[in-house]
Amino acid sequence: MHVIGRDKTATIERRPCPRCSKQGQRSTRAGACVGTSRVTCRCHQFDHVLRNAALDMLMAVDGNASRQRALAQFNATDNMTDAMAALRALSNVDCDERLEVLKRFEERWRDDTLVMDKWLSVQAMSVLPGALREVEALLAHPSFDLKKPNKVRALVGAFCHGNLPGFHHASGAGYDFL
């Protein structure tokens, strides 16, 4: 079956799940890299959700081991959900792995404007103390354009609505920024 989206065509096939051999769906979109589609059945389609929630919880309690786990997930993933989860998990930790993953994510997706919006938002919502400075620096980034409302929402909106500690800081810097 072919499904036509905004600017891409996707193909959905029924195939057996490689993990349990139950019938699942395989979806590929036109222009996607070969091998990036996956077959999922009902019993395995939410595995990544649980894995990514566990990663978030581990990042809160376990330092170095969790950072390495998030980096390994980012390196091994073949899908946007797991890559974004690893990026989000590392975005709130001041470490070298965070900078590496941000850089590699940008290099991989710089030509996809919607994905770069996610990249901007993740950085804006970071609860690290220097988040406002990073947001101000990202205003000059090539993927940000003040004339495009989606870019403003992705960066400025994400900071104001998704980073309450940074926006409502006692110094008033978040209010001054807006």
Foldseek 3Di string as FASTA:
>chain_A
DWDDDDDKIKDKDWFAAPPPGHIFIWIDIPPDDPPLIHTDDPVCPCVLVVVLVVLLVCLVPPPPVSLVVLLVQCVPDSDDSSLLSSQLSCLQPPDPSNVVSLVVQCVVCVPPLVSVLSSQLSLLLHQDPCSVVVLVVCCPPPSADPVDVSSCCSHLVSNCPRRVCNLVPPVNVNVVVD
